[in-house]
Amino acid sequence: MKTLRVGLAGCGFAGHIHSRSLILVKGSKVSSKVTVELVAVADVNKERAQVTAEQYGWQNVEQSWTDLFKHNLDLIIVALPNGEHVEIVKKATEANVAILLEKPVARTYAEALEIMEAAKDNQRVRVAYVNRFVPAAQRAKLLIDSGGIGDIRMVRSVYLLNMRRPGGTPDWRFDQNLAGHGASDDLGSHHIDLINFLASDITEVQSDTRIWDIADAPVATNDDAINSLITLQNGGFGTLTASRTSPGHPLTGYVEIEGSKGALRVDRSYLNDLFIREESGAFVQKNIRPVDDFATLWAAPTVQGAHPFSWYDCFAFQMAEMVQMAAGIPLETKWLASLEDGIKAMSITEAMMASAKTNERKKVDFPEV
């Protein structure tokens, strides 16, 4: 049996949720194929790294991510500020280590292209666009690809949170020097990738952004909100809205896709439910059946009823695929976002930012891969 030695760079929110996912995978049916070993964790705040190690069972604690590579890793999970992505991807590629890279890929499109060049010989880099693992999104993908809603005509995307509020904690995500773009990349890129994945690539944008004046809130130097008109490669069109300053929205997020035969909606508040509209009426399709991907990762959902999956489960589904891919285990279905997918999303947000500055429509500069 293959043993996979794993390291984690960064112990913020993403680091914790990936650690939890690894624990779930260790207790899943994947354990019959590969042994997952939590070797080392690193964070500039060593106390925070120590807490993470104790909570999830990481064997070693480091203060610099560079020290992770002395532990002979097979897989590294990168949950660092975006400005550190270029160097750690270079180092991991040199060490022949698989990478699960948190989104967005980098601070800028130029840095994303630098990562693409650095990792051109590393075929085991994936980007953590976890919305691909929402059960309803996976069912939507199968329905769309089978022609179930016909030709794609329109899309509508909304992603609203309230992250930068009075009394909030200063965070690197609000700093353009550390994060690059704001809500557009931190939030909006999730749905950009989902639109590319489900419907068709975004090829043109016209956008507007805002940075709100919020008293006693952390200072922001990147966008708080973005609103975009988008054009798809297949000729469809639509809208994309993202905001990290929306009071009353702990999380509101959905993507609606309209086709020539019907429409569907993937809603983050209803992870297991695909909302479908046809000429004959509207209905909800549940996606917690034994035949659905990842449904039997732990046990068949019908043993004591079809219990719904949670947001944490979606991260575990993502990690289960990442672990198997990194271990060289063949997979029938591949849902993970590739590095090229991540760079494509970055090219779209870059075009959105350029459009917002000039108030002009912009074509997306897709990378040659």
Protein backbone atom coordinates (compact mmCIF):
# COMPACT_ATOMS: atom_id res chain seq x y z
CA MET A 1 0.00 0.00 0.00
CA LYS A 2 1.19 3.51 -0.85
CA THR A 3 2.08 5.85 2.03
CA LEU A 4 1.51 9.54 1.28
CA ARG A 5 3.55 11.97 3.39
CA VAL A 6 1.66 15.27 3.62
CA GLY A 7 2.70 18.78 4.68
CA LEU A 8 0.61 21.89 5.31
CA ALA A 9 1.79 25.47 4.73
CA GLY A 10 -0.45 27.94 6.56
CA CYS A 11 -2.72 27.46 9.59
CA GLY A 12 -5.48 29.98 9.01
CA PHE A 13 -9.07 29.06 8.13
CA ALA A 14 -8.09 27.16 4.99
CA GLY A 15 -5.33 25.28 6.80
CA HIS A 16 -7.76 24.10 9.44
CA ILE A 17 -10.42 22.98 7.01
CA HIS A 18 -7.86 21.06 4.91
CA SER A 19 -6.49 19.42 8.07
CA ARG A 20 -9.99 18.34 9.01
CA SER A 21 -10.50 16.98 5.51
CA LEU A 22 -7.33 14.89 5.77
CA ILE A 23 -8.63 13.36 9.01
CA LEU A 24 -11.91 12.48 7.28
CA VAL A 25 -10.04 10.93 4.34
CA LYS A 26 -7.85 8.91 6.69
CA GLY A 27 -11.07 7.40 8.05
CA SER A 28 -12.64 6.83 4.64
CA LYS A 29 -12.52 3.99 2.16
CA VAL A 30 -9.50 5.70 0.56
CA SER A 31 -7.51 4.27 3.49
CA SER A 32 -7.71 0.85 1.82
CA LYS A 33 -5.67 2.24 -1.07
CA VAL A 34 -3.27 4.74 0.54
CA THR A 35 -2.01 5.51 4.04
CA VAL A 36 -2.11 9.26 4.71
CA GLU A 37 0.59 10.48 7.10
CA LEU A 38 0.30 14.03 8.53
CA VAL A 39 4.02 14.78 8.64
CA ALA A 40 4.54 18.52 9.20
CA VAL A 41 2.74 21.86 9.43
CA ALA A 42 4.22 25.37 9.15
CA ASP A 43 3.01 28.87 10.01
CA VAL A 44 4.80 32.16 10.75
CA ASN A 45 2.84 32.12 14.00
CA LYS A 46 4.38 29.07 15.58
CA GLU A 47 1.87 29.01 18.42
CA ARG A 48 -0.94 28.80 15.88
CA ALA A 49 0.93 26.03 14.08
CA GLN A 50 1.32 24.15 17.37
CA VAL A 51 -2.41 24.40 18.08
CA THR A 52 -3.17 23.06 14.59
CA ALA A 53 -0.72 20.20 15.06
CA GLU A 54 -2.22 19.20 18.39
CA GLN A 55 -5.79 19.47 17.15
CA TYR A 56 -5.34 17.33 14.04
CA GLY A 57 -2.31 15.17 14.81
CA TRP A 58 0.45 16.71 12.67
CA GLN A 59 3.77 15.16 13.73
CA ASN A 60 6.10 18.15 13.31
CA VAL A 61 5.77 21.94 13.62
CA GLU A 62 7.81 24.47 11.65
CA GLN A 63 7.72 28.28 11.56
CA SER A 64 8.80 28.62 7.91
CA TRP A 65 7.26 26.74 5.02
CA THR A 66 10.74 26.26 3.56
CA ASP A 67 11.46 23.85 6.44
CA LEU A 68 8.61 21.58 5.37
CA PHE A 69 10.71 20.24 2.53
CA LYS A 70 13.25 18.63 4.85
CA HIS A 71 10.53 16.10 5.75
CA ASN A 72 10.55 14.25 2.41
CA LEU A 73 6.96 15.08 1.47
CA ASP A 74 4.80 13.59 -1.27
CA LEU A 75 2.04 16.24 -1.10
CA ILE A 76 1.97 19.81 0.16
CA ILE A 77 -1.18 21.81 0.82
CA VAL A 78 -0.60 25.52 0.24
CA ALA A 79 -2.85 27.71 2.40
CA LEU A 80 -0.61 30.80 2.47
CA PRO A 81 -1.28 34.43 1.51
CA ASN A 82 -1.42 34.68 -2.28
CA GLY A 83 1.87 36.58 -2.50
CA GLU A 84 3.80 33.52 -1.31
CA HIS A 85 2.41 31.09 -3.88
CA VAL A 86 5.04 31.57 -6.58
CA GLU A 87 8.02 30.60 -4.46
CA ILE A 88 6.44 27.59 -2.75
CA VAL A 89 5.21 26.17 -6.07
CA LYS A 90 8.74 26.54 -7.47
CA LYS A 91 10.22 24.76 -4.46
CA ALA A 92 7.63 21.96 -4.48
CA THR A 93 8.14 21.34 -8.19
CA GLU A 94 11.91 21.14 -7.70
CA ALA A 95 11.30 18.60 -4.92
CA ASN A 96 8.83 16.59 -7.08
CA VAL A 97 6.01 17.14 -4.59
CA ALA A 98 2.30 17.19 -5.53
CA ILE A 99 0.51 20.45 -4.70
CA LEU A 100 -3.00 21.40 -3.63
CA LEU A 101 -2.91 25.18 -4.09
CA GLU A 102 -5.50 27.41 -2.47
CA LYS A 103 -7.30 29.82 -4.77
CA PRO A 104 -6.68 32.28 -6.23
CA VAL A 105 -3.52 30.99 -7.86
CA ALA A 106 -1.58 34.22 -7.21
CA ARG A 107 -1.91 37.98 -6.65
CA THR A 108 -1.83 38.85 -10.34
CA TYR A 109 -2.13 37.21 -13.73
CA ALA A 110 1.60 37.83 -14.30
CA GLU A 111 2.41 35.84 -11.16
CA ALA A 112 -0.01 33.12 -12.25
CA LEU A 113 1.86 32.79 -15.54
CA GLU A 114 5.12 32.61 -13.57
CA ILE A 115 3.63 29.71 -11.59
CA MET A 116 2.51 28.02 -14.81
CA GLU A 117 6.06 28.21 -16.16
CA ALA A 118 7.59 27.02 -12.88
CA ALA A 119 5.22 24.03 -12.66
CA LYS A 120 5.24 23.02 -16.33
CA ASP A 121 6.94 19.72 -15.45
CA ASN A 122 4.74 19.05 -12.41
CA GLN A 123 1.56 17.31 -13.54
CA ARG A 124 0.30 16.94 -9.96
CA VAL A 125 -0.73 20.54 -9.22
CA ARG A 126 -4.40 21.17 -8.49
CA VAL A 127 -6.28 24.30 -7.36
CA ALA A 128 -8.76 24.18 -4.46
CA TYR A 129 -11.96 25.31 -6.16
CA VAL A 130 -14.10 23.29 -3.79
CA ASN A 131 -17.45 24.32 -5.33
CA ARG A 132 -16.80 21.62 -7.95
CA PHE A 133 -17.40 19.10 -5.17
CA VAL A 134 -20.81 20.41 -4.12
CA PRO A 135 -23.17 17.48 -4.86
CA ALA A 136 -25.65 19.72 -6.68
CA ALA A 137 -22.87 21.16 -8.86
CA GLN A 138 -21.70 17.71 -9.87
CA ARG A 139 -25.22 16.68 -10.81
CA ALA A 140 -25.59 19.96 -12.75
CA LYS A 141 -22.40 19.16 -14.69
CA LEU A 142 -23.74 15.76 -15.74
CA LEU A 143 -27.12 17.22 -16.69
CA ILE A 144 -25.61 20.05 -18.77
CA ASP A 145 -23.08 17.80 -20.52
CA SER A 146 -25.85 15.38 -21.47
CA GLY A 147 -27.81 18.19 -23.13
CA GLY A 148 -30.49 18.17 -20.44
CA ILE A 149 -31.09 21.93 -20.51
CA GLY A 150 -30.07 22.44 -24.14
CA ASP A 151 -27.75 25.17 -25.39
CA ILE A 152 -26.52 27.56 -22.69
CA ARG A 153 -27.95 31.04 -23.14
CA MET A 154 -27.57 32.95 -19.88
CA VAL A 155 -25.86 32.69 -16.48
CA ARG A 156 -26.37 34.63 -13.24
CA SER A 157 -23.90 34.42 -10.38
CA VAL A 158 -24.21 35.97 -6.91
CA TYR A 159 -21.74 35.57 -4.02
CA LEU A 160 -22.30 37.75 -0.93
CA LEU A 161 -20.56 37.74 2.47
CA ASN A 162 -19.87 40.28 5.21
CA MET A 163 -16.16 39.97 5.96
CA ARG A 164 -15.01 43.60 6.36
CA ARG A 165 -17.21 45.06 9.07
CA PRO A 166 -16.85 47.43 12.05
CA GLY A 167 -14.80 45.78 14.76
CA GLY A 168 -13.56 43.12 12.36
CA THR A 169 -10.07 41.67 12.56
CA PRO A 170 -7.40 42.97 10.15
CA ASP A 171 -6.67 40.28 7.61
CA TRP A 172 -4.16 39.89 4.77
CA ARG A 173 -7.06 39.44 2.34
CA PHE A 174 -7.81 43.18 2.54
CA ASP A 175 -4.22 44.13 1.57
CA GLN A 176 -3.51 44.37 -2.15
CA ASN A 177 0.22 43.84 -1.55
CA LEU A 178 -0.43 40.49 0.13
CA ALA A 179 -3.59 39.29 -1.57
CA GLY A 180 -3.77 41.04 -4.93
CA HIS A 181 -7.45 41.50 -5.85
CA GLY A 182 -10.14 41.46 -3.17
CA ALA A 183 -13.69 40.15 -3.41
CA SER A 184 -13.32 39.50 -7.13
CA ASP A 185 -10.67 36.82 -6.58
CA ASP A 186 -11.27 35.73 -2.99
CA LEU A 187 -14.99 35.15 -3.58
CA GLY A 188 -15.90 35.77 -7.21
CA SER A 189 -13.28 33.44 -8.64
CA HIS A 190 -15.13 30.49 -7.05
CA HIS A 191 -18.09 31.19 -9.31
CA ILE A 192 -15.92 32.16 -12.26
CA ASP A 193 -14.43 28.68 -12.15
CA LEU A 194 -17.88 27.15 -11.68
CA ILE A 195 -19.26 29.00 -14.72
CA ASN A 196 -16.26 27.91 -16.82
CA PHE A 197 -16.70 24.36 -15.55
CA LEU A 198 -20.46 24.03 -15.93
CA ALA A 199 -21.43 26.34 -18.78
CA SER A 200 -18.70 27.82 -20.99
CA ASP A 201 -15.51 29.85 -20.58
CA ILE A 202 -15.90 33.55 -19.87
CA THR A 203 -14.26 35.44 -22.75
CA GLU A 204 -15.30 39.11 -22.34
CA VAL A 205 -16.17 41.26 -19.34
CA GLN A 206 -17.33 44.74 -18.46
CA SER A 207 -16.97 45.45 -14.77
CA ASP A 208 -17.28 47.97 -11.98
CA THR A 209 -15.82 47.74 -8.47
CA ARG A 210 -16.19 49.47 -5.10
CA ILE A 211 -14.17 49.91 -1.93
CA TRP A 212 -16.61 51.00 0.76
CA ASP A 213 -15.89 53.52 3.52
CA ILE A 214 -16.62 51.49 6.66
CA ALA A 215 -15.88 53.23 9.97
CA ASP A 216 -13.80 51.23 12.46
CA ALA A 217 -13.35 48.39 9.98
CA PRO A 218 -10.00 47.03 8.76
CA VAL A 219 -8.52 49.23 6.06
CA ALA A 220 -8.87 47.74 2.57
CA THR A 221 -6.71 48.46 -0.46
CA ASN A 222 -8.44 46.02 -2.83
CA ASP A 223 -12.00 45.65 -4.07
CA ASP A 224 -14.86 45.07 -1.63
CA ALA A 225 -17.40 44.40 -4.36
CA ILE A 226 -17.57 43.75 -8.08
CA ASN A 227 -20.36 43.66 -10.62
CA SER A 228 -19.68 42.33 -14.12
CA LEU A 229 -21.40 41.74 -17.40
CA ILE A 230 -19.90 38.59 -18.89
CA THR A 231 -19.86 36.97 -22.33
CA LEU A 232 -19.29 33.24 -22.77
CA GLN A 233 -17.26 31.46 -25.41
CA ASN A 234 -20.39 29.68 -26.66
CA GLY A 235 -22.17 33.00 -27.28
CA GLY A 236 -24.14 33.06 -24.04
CA PHE A 237 -23.99 35.97 -21.65
CA GLY A 238 -24.83 36.93 -18.07
CA THR A 239 -23.87 38.69 -14.86
CA LEU A 240 -21.52 38.09 -11.94
CA THR A 241 -21.75 39.89 -8.59
CA ALA A 242 -19.49 39.38 -5.58
CA SER A 243 -19.23 41.32 -2.33
CA ARG A 244 -17.43 40.80 0.96
CA THR A 245 -19.28 43.75 2.58
CA SER A 246 -22.94 42.69 2.52
CA PRO A 247 -24.59 43.00 5.97
CA GLY A 248 -27.22 40.34 6.54
CA HIS A 249 -25.44 37.82 4.31
CA PRO A 250 -23.51 35.23 6.35
CA LEU A 251 -23.30 33.45 3.00
CA THR A 252 -25.50 33.95 -0.03
CA GLY A 253 -24.17 32.24 -3.11
CA TYR A 254 -25.73 30.74 -6.20
CA VAL A 255 -25.19 30.18 -9.92
CA GLU A 256 -28.16 30.00 -12.26
CA ILE A 257 -27.78 28.65 -15.79
CA GLU A 258 -30.45 29.06 -18.47
CA GLY A 259 -30.57 26.84 -21.52
CA SER A 260 -32.77 26.42 -24.59
CA LYS A 261 -34.65 23.51 -22.93
CA GLY A 262 -34.68 24.56 -19.29
CA ALA A 263 -32.71 26.05 -16.42
CA LEU A 264 -30.98 25.05 -13.20
CA ARG A 265 -29.67 26.62 -10.02
CA VAL A 266 -26.80 25.54 -7.76
CA ASP A 267 -27.29 27.22 -4.38
CA ARG A 268 -24.68 27.22 -1.60
CA SER A 269 -27.49 27.14 0.99
CA TYR A 270 -28.73 23.82 -0.43
CA LEU A 271 -25.65 21.78 -1.24
CA ASN A 272 -27.53 18.56 -1.96
CA ASP A 273 -30.37 20.08 -3.99
CA LEU A 274 -30.27 20.88 -7.69
CA PHE A 275 -33.11 23.22 -8.63
CA ILE A 276 -34.34 22.45 -12.14
CA ARG A 277 -36.91 24.24 -14.30
CA GLU A 278 -38.48 22.70 -17.39
CA GLU A 279 -41.50 23.53 -19.55
CA SER A 280 -43.51 21.03 -17.50
CA GLY A 281 -42.65 22.77 -14.21
CA ALA A 282 -40.01 23.16 -11.53
CA PHE A 283 -38.60 20.47 -9.24
CA VAL A 284 -35.67 19.71 -6.92
CA GLN A 285 -33.35 16.79 -7.55
CA LYS A 286 -31.69 15.33 -4.45
CA ASN A 287 -28.06 14.32 -4.90
CA ILE A 288 -27.36 11.99 -1.98
CA ARG A 289 -27.99 8.67 -3.73
CA PRO A 290 -25.58 5.70 -3.70
CA VAL A 291 -24.86 6.19 -7.41
CA ASP A 292 -23.56 9.74 -6.95
CA ASP A 293 -19.83 10.45 -6.91
CA PHE A 294 -18.26 10.25 -3.42
CA ALA A 295 -21.56 9.12 -1.87
CA THR A 296 -19.92 5.96 -0.53
CA LEU A 297 -16.67 7.56 0.63
CA TRP A 298 -17.54 6.59 4.21
CA ALA A 299 -20.63 4.37 4.02
CA ALA A 300 -23.64 3.98 1.75
CA PRO A 301 -26.02 6.87 2.50
CA THR A 302 -29.04 4.55 2.42
CA VAL A 303 -27.99 2.43 5.42
CA GLN A 304 -29.95 4.70 7.80
CA GLY A 305 -31.51 7.08 5.34
CA ALA A 306 -30.14 9.55 2.79
CA HIS A 307 -28.51 12.06 5.10
CA PRO A 308 -27.40 15.29 3.37
CA PHE A 309 -23.75 16.19 2.91
CA SER A 310 -22.27 19.32 4.50
CA TRP A 311 -19.81 21.99 3.41
CA TYR A 312 -17.07 20.10 5.29
CA ASP A 313 -17.90 16.96 3.32
CA CYS A 314 -17.28 18.85 0.07
CA PHE A 315 -13.74 19.65 1.23
CA ALA A 316 -13.26 16.00 2.18
CA PHE A 317 -14.44 14.89 -1.28
CA GLN A 318 -11.88 17.27 -2.80
CA MET A 319 -9.12 15.97 -0.55
CA ALA A 320 -10.03 12.34 -1.29
CA GLU A 321 -9.45 12.94 -5.00
CA MET A 322 -6.27 14.93 -4.32
CA VAL A 323 -4.80 12.21 -2.10
CA GLN A 324 -5.48 9.48 -4.65
CA MET A 325 -4.15 11.53 -7.54
CA ALA A 326 -0.98 12.41 -5.59
CA ALA A 327 -0.50 8.72 -4.77
CA GLY A 328 -0.82 7.73 -8.43
CA ILE A 329 -4.13 5.87 -7.99
CA PRO A 330 -6.24 5.93 -11.19
CA LEU A 331 -9.58 7.75 -10.86
CA GLU A 332 -12.67 7.14 -12.95
CA THR A 333 -13.99 10.69 -12.44
CA LYS A 334 -11.76 13.75 -12.11
CA TRP A 335 -13.42 16.82 -10.61
CA LEU A 336 -10.38 18.73 -9.29
CA ALA A 337 -9.51 22.05 -10.90
CA SER A 338 -6.20 21.90 -12.77
CA LEU A 339 -3.53 24.58 -12.56
CA GLU A 340 -4.64 25.70 -16.02
CA ASP A 341 -8.20 26.10 -14.69
CA GLY A 342 -6.89 28.26 -11.87
CA ILE A 343 -4.82 30.42 -14.20
CA LYS A 344 -7.81 30.84 -16.50
CA ALA A 345 -9.88 32.14 -13.57
CA MET A 346 -7.04 34.51 -12.72
CA SER A 347 -6.97 35.82 -16.29
CA ILE A 348 -10.69 36.59 -16.05
CA THR A 349 -10.45 38.52 -12.78
CA GLU A 350 -7.48 40.42 -14.21
CA ALA A 351 -9.64 41.44 -17.19
CA MET A 352 -12.40 42.48 -14.78
CA MET A 353 -10.02 44.73 -12.85
CA ALA A 354 -8.73 46.26 -16.07
CA SER A 355 -12.29 46.90 -17.22
CA ALA A 356 -13.21 48.55 -13.92
CA LYS A 357 -10.26 50.95 -14.25
CA THR A 358 -11.02 52.06 -17.80
CA ASN A 359 -14.81 51.58 -17.87
CA GLU A 360 -14.35 49.61 -21.08
CA ARG A 361 -15.27 46.13 -22.19
CA LYS A 362 -12.26 43.80 -22.06
CA LYS A 363 -11.44 40.52 -23.78
CA VAL A 364 -9.94 37.88 -21.56
CA ASP A 365 -6.31 37.01 -22.24
CA PHE A 366 -6.35 33.23 -22.01
CA PRO A 367 -3.01 31.51 -21.35
CA GLU A 368 -1.55 29.12 -23.89
CA VAL A 369 -1.33 25.76 -22.14
